[in-house]
C-alpha atoms as a PDB file:
ATOM      1  CA  MET A   1      -3.296  -1.092 -19.920  1.00  0.00           C
ATOM      2  CA  THR A   2      -6.558  -0.658 -17.912  1.00  0.00           C
ATOM      3  CA  ASP A   3      -8.172  -3.502 -15.883  1.00  0.00           C
ATOM      4  CA  ASP A   4     -10.103  -3.751 -12.742  1.00  0.00           C
ATOM      5  CA  ILE A   5      -7.074  -3.069 -10.539  1.00  0.00           C
ATOM      6  CA  THR A   6      -6.408   0.260 -12.563  1.00  0.00           C
ATOM      7  CA  THR A   7      -9.914   1.450 -12.716  1.00  0.00           C
ATOM      8  CA  ARG A   8     -10.753   1.024  -8.796  1.00  0.00           C
ATOM      9  CA  HIS A   9     -10.619   4.550  -6.975  1.00  0.00           C
ATOM     10  CA  ASP A  10     -10.061   3.846  -3.417  1.00  0.00           C
ATOM     11  CA  GLY A  11      -8.089   6.840  -2.190  1.00  0.00           C
ATOM     12  CA  GLU A  12      -9.518   9.188   0.252  1.00  0.00           C
ATOM     13  CA  PHE A  13      -8.433  12.683   1.317  1.00  0.00           C
ATOM     14  CA  GLU A  14      -9.125  14.110   4.781  1.00  0.00           C
ATOM     15  CA  ARG A  15      -8.652  17.850   5.067  1.00  0.00           C
ATOM     16  CA  THR A  16      -7.504  18.622   8.798  1.00  0.00           C
ATOM     17  CA  ALA A  17      -6.830  21.786  10.678  1.00  0.00           C
ATOM     18  CA  ASP A  18      -3.115  21.395   9.988  1.00  0.00           C
ATOM     19  CA  GLY A  19      -3.431  20.460   6.120  1.00  0.00           C
ATOM     20  CA  GLY A  20      -4.659  16.900   5.034  1.00  0.00           C
ATOM     21  CA  VAL A  21      -4.271  13.185   5.115  1.00  0.00           C
ATOM     22  CA  ILE A  22      -4.264  10.950   2.001  1.00  0.00           C
ATOM     23  CA  ARG A  23      -5.277   7.439   2.914  1.00  0.00           C
ATOM     24  CA  PHE A  24      -5.481   4.004   1.078  1.00  0.00           C
ATOM     25  CA  GLU A  25      -6.265   0.701   2.392  1.00  0.00           C
ATOM     26  CA  ARG A  26      -5.428  -2.470   0.330  1.00  0.00           C
ATOM     27  CA  HIS A  27      -6.225  -6.208   1.258  1.00  0.00           C
ATOM     28  CA  LEU A  28      -3.380  -8.170  -0.341  1.00  0.00           C
ATOM     29  CA  PRO A  29      -3.433 -11.889  -0.608  1.00  0.00           C
ATOM     30  CA  TYR A  30       0.278 -12.086   0.455  1.00  0.00           C
ATOM     31  CA  ASP A  31       2.094 -12.548   3.850  1.00  0.00           C
ATOM     32  CA  VAL A  32       2.672  -9.515   5.827  1.00  0.00           C
ATOM     33  CA  ARG A  33       6.490 -10.126   5.608  1.00  0.00           C
ATOM     34  CA  ASP A  34       6.254 -10.304   1.805  1.00  0.00           C
ATOM     35  CA  VAL A  35       4.592  -6.993   1.682  1.00  0.00           C
ATOM     36  CA  TRP A  36       6.866  -5.650   4.353  1.00  0.00           C
ATOM     37  CA  HIS A  37       9.818  -6.397   1.949  1.00  0.00           C
ATOM     38  CA  ALA A  38       8.092  -4.743  -0.972  1.00  0.00           C
ATOM     39  CA  ILE A  39       8.001  -1.536   0.805  1.00  0.00           C
ATOM     40  CA  THR A  40      11.302  -1.498   2.503  1.00  0.00           C
ATOM     41  CA  ASP A  41      13.818  -3.480   0.239  1.00  0.00           C
ATOM     42  CA  PRO A  42      15.225  -1.277  -2.639  1.00  0.00           C
ATOM     43  CA  GLU A  43      15.106  -3.628  -5.163  1.00  0.00           C
ATOM     44  CA  ARG A  44      11.393  -4.628  -4.389  1.00  0.00           C
ATOM     45  CA  LEU A  45      10.329  -1.110  -4.056  1.00  0.00           C
ATOM     46  CA  SER A  46      11.760  -0.233  -7.401  1.00  0.00           C
ATOM     47  CA  ASP A  47       9.413  -2.633  -8.954  1.00  0.00           C
ATOM     48  CA  TRP A  48       6.158  -0.741  -8.350  1.00  0.00           C
ATOM     49  CA  TRP A  49       6.598   2.578  -6.404  1.00  0.00           C
ATOM     50  CA  LEU A  50       8.303   5.259  -8.779  1.00  0.00           C
ATOM     51  CA  PRO A  51       7.134   6.381 -12.331  1.00  0.00           C
ATOM     52  CA  PHE A  52      10.931   6.550 -13.206  1.00  0.00           C
ATOM     53  CA  ASP A  53      13.925   4.269 -12.845  1.00  0.00           C
ATOM     54  CA  ALA A  54      16.095   4.981 -10.002  1.00  0.00           C
ATOM     55  CA  ASP A  55      18.873   3.753  -7.668  1.00  0.00           C
ATOM     56  CA  ILE A  56      17.243   3.283  -4.346  1.00  0.00           C
ATOM     57  CA  ARG A  57      19.244   3.156  -1.074  1.00  0.00           C
ATOM     58  CA  ILE A  58      17.676   2.542   2.118  1.00  0.00           C
ATOM     59  CA  ASP A  59      19.294   2.749   5.723  1.00  0.00           C
ATOM     60  CA  LEU A  60      16.389   0.925   7.545  1.00  0.00           C
ATOM     61  CA  ARG A  61      16.607   2.192  11.045  1.00  0.00           C
ATOM     62  CA  GLU A  62      15.169   5.293  12.748  1.00  0.00           C
ATOM     63  CA  GLY A  63      17.030   8.282  11.601  1.00  0.00           C
ATOM     64  CA  GLY A  64      18.206   6.481   8.354  1.00  0.00           C
ATOM     65  CA  LYS A  65      17.805   7.815   4.817  1.00  0.00           C
ATOM     66  CA  MET A  66      16.001   6.608   1.737  1.00  0.00           C
ATOM     67  CA  VAL A  67      17.450   7.995  -1.094  1.00  0.00           C
ATOM     68  CA  PHE A  68      16.167   7.788  -4.755  1.00  0.00           C
ATOM     69  CA  ASP A  69      18.531   8.939  -7.575  1.00  0.00           C
ATOM     70  CA  GLY A  70      17.326   8.565 -10.918  1.00  0.00           C
ATOM     71  CA  THR A  71      16.089  10.602 -14.097  1.00  0.00           C
ATOM     72  CA  ASN A  72      12.761  11.900 -14.807  1.00  0.00           C
ATOM     73  CA  ASP A  73      12.087  13.196 -18.258  1.00  0.00           C
ATOM     74  CA  GLY A  74      15.804  13.116 -18.860  1.00  0.00           C
ATOM     75  CA  GLU A  75      16.559  15.354 -15.812  1.00  0.00           C
ATOM     76  CA  PRO A  76      18.457  13.998 -12.886  1.00  0.00           C
ATOM     77  CA  ILE A  77      16.285  13.762  -9.690  1.00  0.00           C
ATOM     78  CA  THR A  78      17.141  12.931  -6.030  1.00  0.00           C
ATOM     79  CA  MET A  79      15.007  12.452  -3.421  1.00  0.00           C
ATOM     80  CA  VAL A  80      15.627  11.940   0.161  1.00  0.00           C
ATOM     81  CA  CYS A  81      13.403  10.853   2.919  1.00  0.00           C
ATOM     82  CA  THR A  82      14.252  10.396   6.667  1.00  0.00           C
ATOM     83  CA  ILE A  83      13.136   7.105   8.240  1.00  0.00           C
ATOM     84  CA  LEU A  84      11.096   8.098  11.431  1.00  0.00           C
ATOM     85  CA  ARG A  85       9.697   4.595  12.899  1.00  0.00           C
ATOM     86  CA  VAL A  86      10.681   1.094  11.817  1.00  0.00           C
ATOM     87  CA  GLU A  87       8.825  -1.841  13.594  1.00  0.00           C
ATOM     88  CA  PRO A  88       9.191  -4.776  11.203  1.00  0.00           C
ATOM     89  CA  PRO A  89       7.000  -6.085   9.939  1.00  0.00           C
ATOM     90  CA  LEU A  90       4.146  -3.863  10.953  1.00  0.00           C
ATOM     91  CA  LEU A  91       5.075  -0.210  10.894  1.00  0.00           C
ATOM     92  CA  PHE A  92       7.222   1.751   8.648  1.00  0.00           C
ATOM     93  CA  GLU A  93       7.220   5.768   8.838  1.00  0.00           C
ATOM     94  CA  HIS A  94       9.236   8.195   6.704  1.00  0.00           C
ATOM     95  CA  THR A  95       9.340  11.702   5.752  1.00  0.00           C
ATOM     96  CA  HIS A  96       8.268  12.435   2.177  1.00  0.00           C
ATOM     97  CA  PRO A  97      10.095  14.943  -0.144  1.00  0.00           C
ATOM     98  CA  ALA A  98       7.593  17.389   0.164  1.00  0.00           C
ATOM     99  CA  LEU A  99       8.541  19.706   3.266  1.00  0.00           C
ATOM    100  CA  GLY A 100       6.544  18.650   6.478  1.00  0.00           C
ATOM    101  CA  SER A 101       5.057  15.662   4.722  1.00  0.00           C
ATOM    102  CA  MET A 102       5.131  12.154   6.271  1.00  0.00           C
ATOM    103  CA  MET A 103       4.032   8.715   5.027  1.00  0.00           C
ATOM    104  CA  ARG A 104       3.008   5.906   7.266  1.00  0.00           C
ATOM    105  CA  TRP A 105       2.660   2.296   6.077  1.00  0.00           C
ATOM    106  CA  GLU A 106       0.935  -0.151   8.577  1.00  0.00           C
ATOM    107  CA  LEU A 107       0.566  -3.969   8.050  1.00  0.00           C
ATOM    108  CA  GLU A 108      -1.926  -6.204   9.823  1.00  0.00           C
ATOM    109  CA  ALA A 109      -1.768  -9.904   9.279  1.00  0.00           C
ATOM    110  CA  VAL A 110      -5.191 -11.473   8.491  1.00  0.00           C
ATOM    111  CA  ASP A 111      -6.171 -14.906   7.355  1.00  0.00           C
ATOM    112  CA  THR A 112      -6.219 -14.090   3.816  1.00  0.00           C
ATOM    113  CA  GLY A 113      -2.996 -12.326   3.644  1.00  0.00           C
ATOM    114  CA  CYS A 114      -2.504  -8.829   5.078  1.00  0.00           C
ATOM    115  CA  ILE A 115      -4.093  -5.300   5.020  1.00  0.00           C
ATOM    116  CA  LEU A 116      -1.906  -2.450   4.126  1.00  0.00           C
ATOM    117  CA  ARG A 117      -2.896   0.873   5.352  1.00  0.00           C
ATOM    118  CA  VAL A 118      -0.812   3.853   3.943  1.00  0.00           C
ATOM    119  CA  SER A 119      -1.471   7.519   4.938  1.00  0.00           C
ATOM    120  CA  HIS A 120       0.289  10.492   3.821  1.00  0.00           C
ATOM    121  CA  THR A 121       0.082  13.358   6.041  1.00  0.00           C
ATOM    122  CA  LEU A 122       0.950  16.690   4.587  1.00  0.00           C
ATOM    123  CA  PRO A 123       0.588  20.321   5.573  1.00  0.00           C
ATOM    124  CA  ASP A 124       0.034  21.971   2.240  1.00  0.00           C
ATOM    125  CA  VAL A 125      -3.372  20.850   0.735  1.00  0.00           C
ATOM    126  CA  GLN A 126      -2.874  22.613  -2.504  1.00  0.00           C
ATOM    127  CA  GLU A 127       0.650  21.380  -3.107  1.00  0.00           C
ATOM    128  CA  ALA A 128      -0.658  17.762  -2.786  1.00  0.00           C
ATOM    129  CA  ILE A 129      -3.551  18.744  -5.426  1.00  0.00           C
ATOM    130  CA  ASP A 130      -1.222  20.349  -7.683  1.00  0.00           C
ATOM    131  CA  ASN A 131       1.239  17.656  -7.809  1.00  0.00           C
ATOM    132  CA  CYS A 132      -1.253  14.816  -7.818  1.00  0.00           C
ATOM    133  CA  TYR A 133      -0.083  13.005  -4.771  1.00  0.00           C
ATOM    134  CA  LEU A 134      -3.218  11.183  -4.487  1.00  0.00           C
ATOM    135  CA  VAL A 135      -3.079   9.979  -8.016  1.00  0.00           C
ATOM    136  CA  GLY A 136       0.529   8.998  -8.051  1.00  0.00           C
ATOM    137  CA  LEU A 137      -0.131   6.985  -4.701  1.00  0.00           C
ATOM    138  CA  GLN A 138      -3.056   5.289  -6.369  1.00  0.00           C
ATOM    139  CA  THR A 139      -1.076   4.458  -9.467  1.00  0.00           C
ATOM    140  CA  SER A 140       1.994   3.136  -7.488  1.00  0.00           C
ATOM    141  CA  LEU A 141      -0.337   0.894  -5.319  1.00  0.00           C
ATOM    142  CA  ASP A 142      -2.132  -0.504  -8.334  1.00  0.00           C
ATOM    143  CA  ARG A 143       1.206  -1.979  -9.297  1.00  0.00           C
ATOM    144  CA  LEU A 144       2.118  -3.417  -5.871  1.00  0.00           C
ATOM    145  CA  ALA A 145       0.036  -6.613  -6.087  1.00  0.00           C
ATOM    146  CA  PRO A 146       1.531  -7.487  -9.555  1.00  0.00           C
ATOM    147  CA  ALA A 147       4.971  -6.934  -8.232  1.00  0.00           C
ATOM    148  CA  LEU A 148       4.156  -9.070  -5.189  1.00  0.00           C
ATOM    149  CA  ALA A 149       2.912 -11.787  -7.580  1.00  0.00           C
ATOM    150  CA  GLY A 150       6.497 -11.775  -9.448  1.00  0.00           C
ATOM    151  CA  ARG A 151       4.867  -9.958 -12.483  1.00  0.00           C
ATOM    152  CA  PRO A 152       6.015  -6.271 -12.100  1.00  0.00           C
ATOM    153  CA  ARG A 153       4.054  -3.916 -14.394  1.00  0.00           C
ATOM    154  CA  PRO A 154       5.858  -0.650 -15.908  1.00  0.00           C
ATOM    155  CA  TRP A 155       4.119   2.669 -14.838  1.00  0.00           C
ATOM    156  CA  ASP A 156       0.949   3.021 -16.700  1.00  0.00           C
ATOM    157  CA  TRP A 157       0.538   6.585 -17.810  1.00  0.00           C
ATOM    158  CA  ASP A 158      -2.979   5.887 -19.132  1.00  0.00           C
ATOM    159  CA  ALA A 159      -4.162   4.613 -15.675  1.00  0.00           C
ATOM    160  CA  PHE A 160      -2.451   7.727 -14.004  1.00  0.00           C
ATOM    161  CA  ALA A 161      -4.525   9.900 -16.500  1.00  0.00           C
ATOM    162  CA  ALA A 162      -7.796   7.989 -15.653  1.00  0.00           C
ATOM    163  CA  HIS A 163      -7.177   8.356 -11.876  1.00  0.00           C
ATOM    164  CA  ARG A 164      -6.249  12.054 -12.443  1.00  0.00           C
ATOM    165  CA  ALA A 165      -9.526  12.617 -14.272  1.00  0.00           C
ATOM    166  CA  HIS A 166     -11.584  10.712 -11.473  1.00  0.00           C
ATOM    167  CA  TYR A 167      -9.975  12.683  -8.470  1.00  0.00           C
ATOM    168  CA  ALA A 168     -10.083  16.086 -10.509  1.00  0.00           C
ATOM    169  CA  GLU A 169     -13.658  15.740 -10.620  1.00  0.00           C
ATOM    170  CA  LEU A 170     -13.727  15.610  -6.849  1.00  0.00           C
ATOM    171  CA  GLY A 171     -11.130  18.607  -6.648  1.00  0.00           C
ATOM    172  CA  LEU A 172      -8.540  16.089  -5.155  1.00  0.00           C
ATOM    173  CA  ALA A 173      -5.918  16.478  -8.148  1.00  0.00           C
ATOM    174  CA  ALA A 174      -5.199  19.150 -10.616  1.00  0.00           C
ATOM    175  CA  PRO A 175      -7.351  19.027 -13.628  1.00  0.00           C
ATOM    176  CA  VAL A 176      -5.706  18.126 -17.062  1.00  0.00           C
ATOM    177  CA  ASP A 177      -4.516  21.194 -18.964  1.00  0.00           C
ATOM    178  CA  ALA A 178      -6.752  21.186 -22.198  1.00  0.00           C
ATOM    179  CA  SER A 179      -4.108  23.119 -24.055  1.00  0.00           C
END
């Protein structure tokens, strides 16, 4: 499925002295509390974030854990993130499964809903490129608005491929292997 949401490429990648930062900003026509719940409630998070089914558990406090237990290509996978900051409903920070990596979700209420700013700080730029972190986050965020509207969409591998081709042209994602 391809439409105006899945063809927009709005991710930014800034190289820093310590690695890099992936950034997205989305204007969503939803109340900030609705978006907060979509990024912190396990049932709502499972509607849009991961490309595989997972049992998600979140201990929503500083030092708490976000645990994702699932299967990917038939193989069991467990990802664990540590929650660093929780300031409901405006700020959520946690580690990312990639060593030394952190994600920050900032919400700002506006007259038309809210602005979501997501940043993924990472020490290893090549790892981010090789593992298509920018592409994956783009694809996930494209699923957020439909999930908020009560119409979750399945992971769209065609959209992922289109995003990957776009970001690969910019040197921000691993190119598709032609073999």
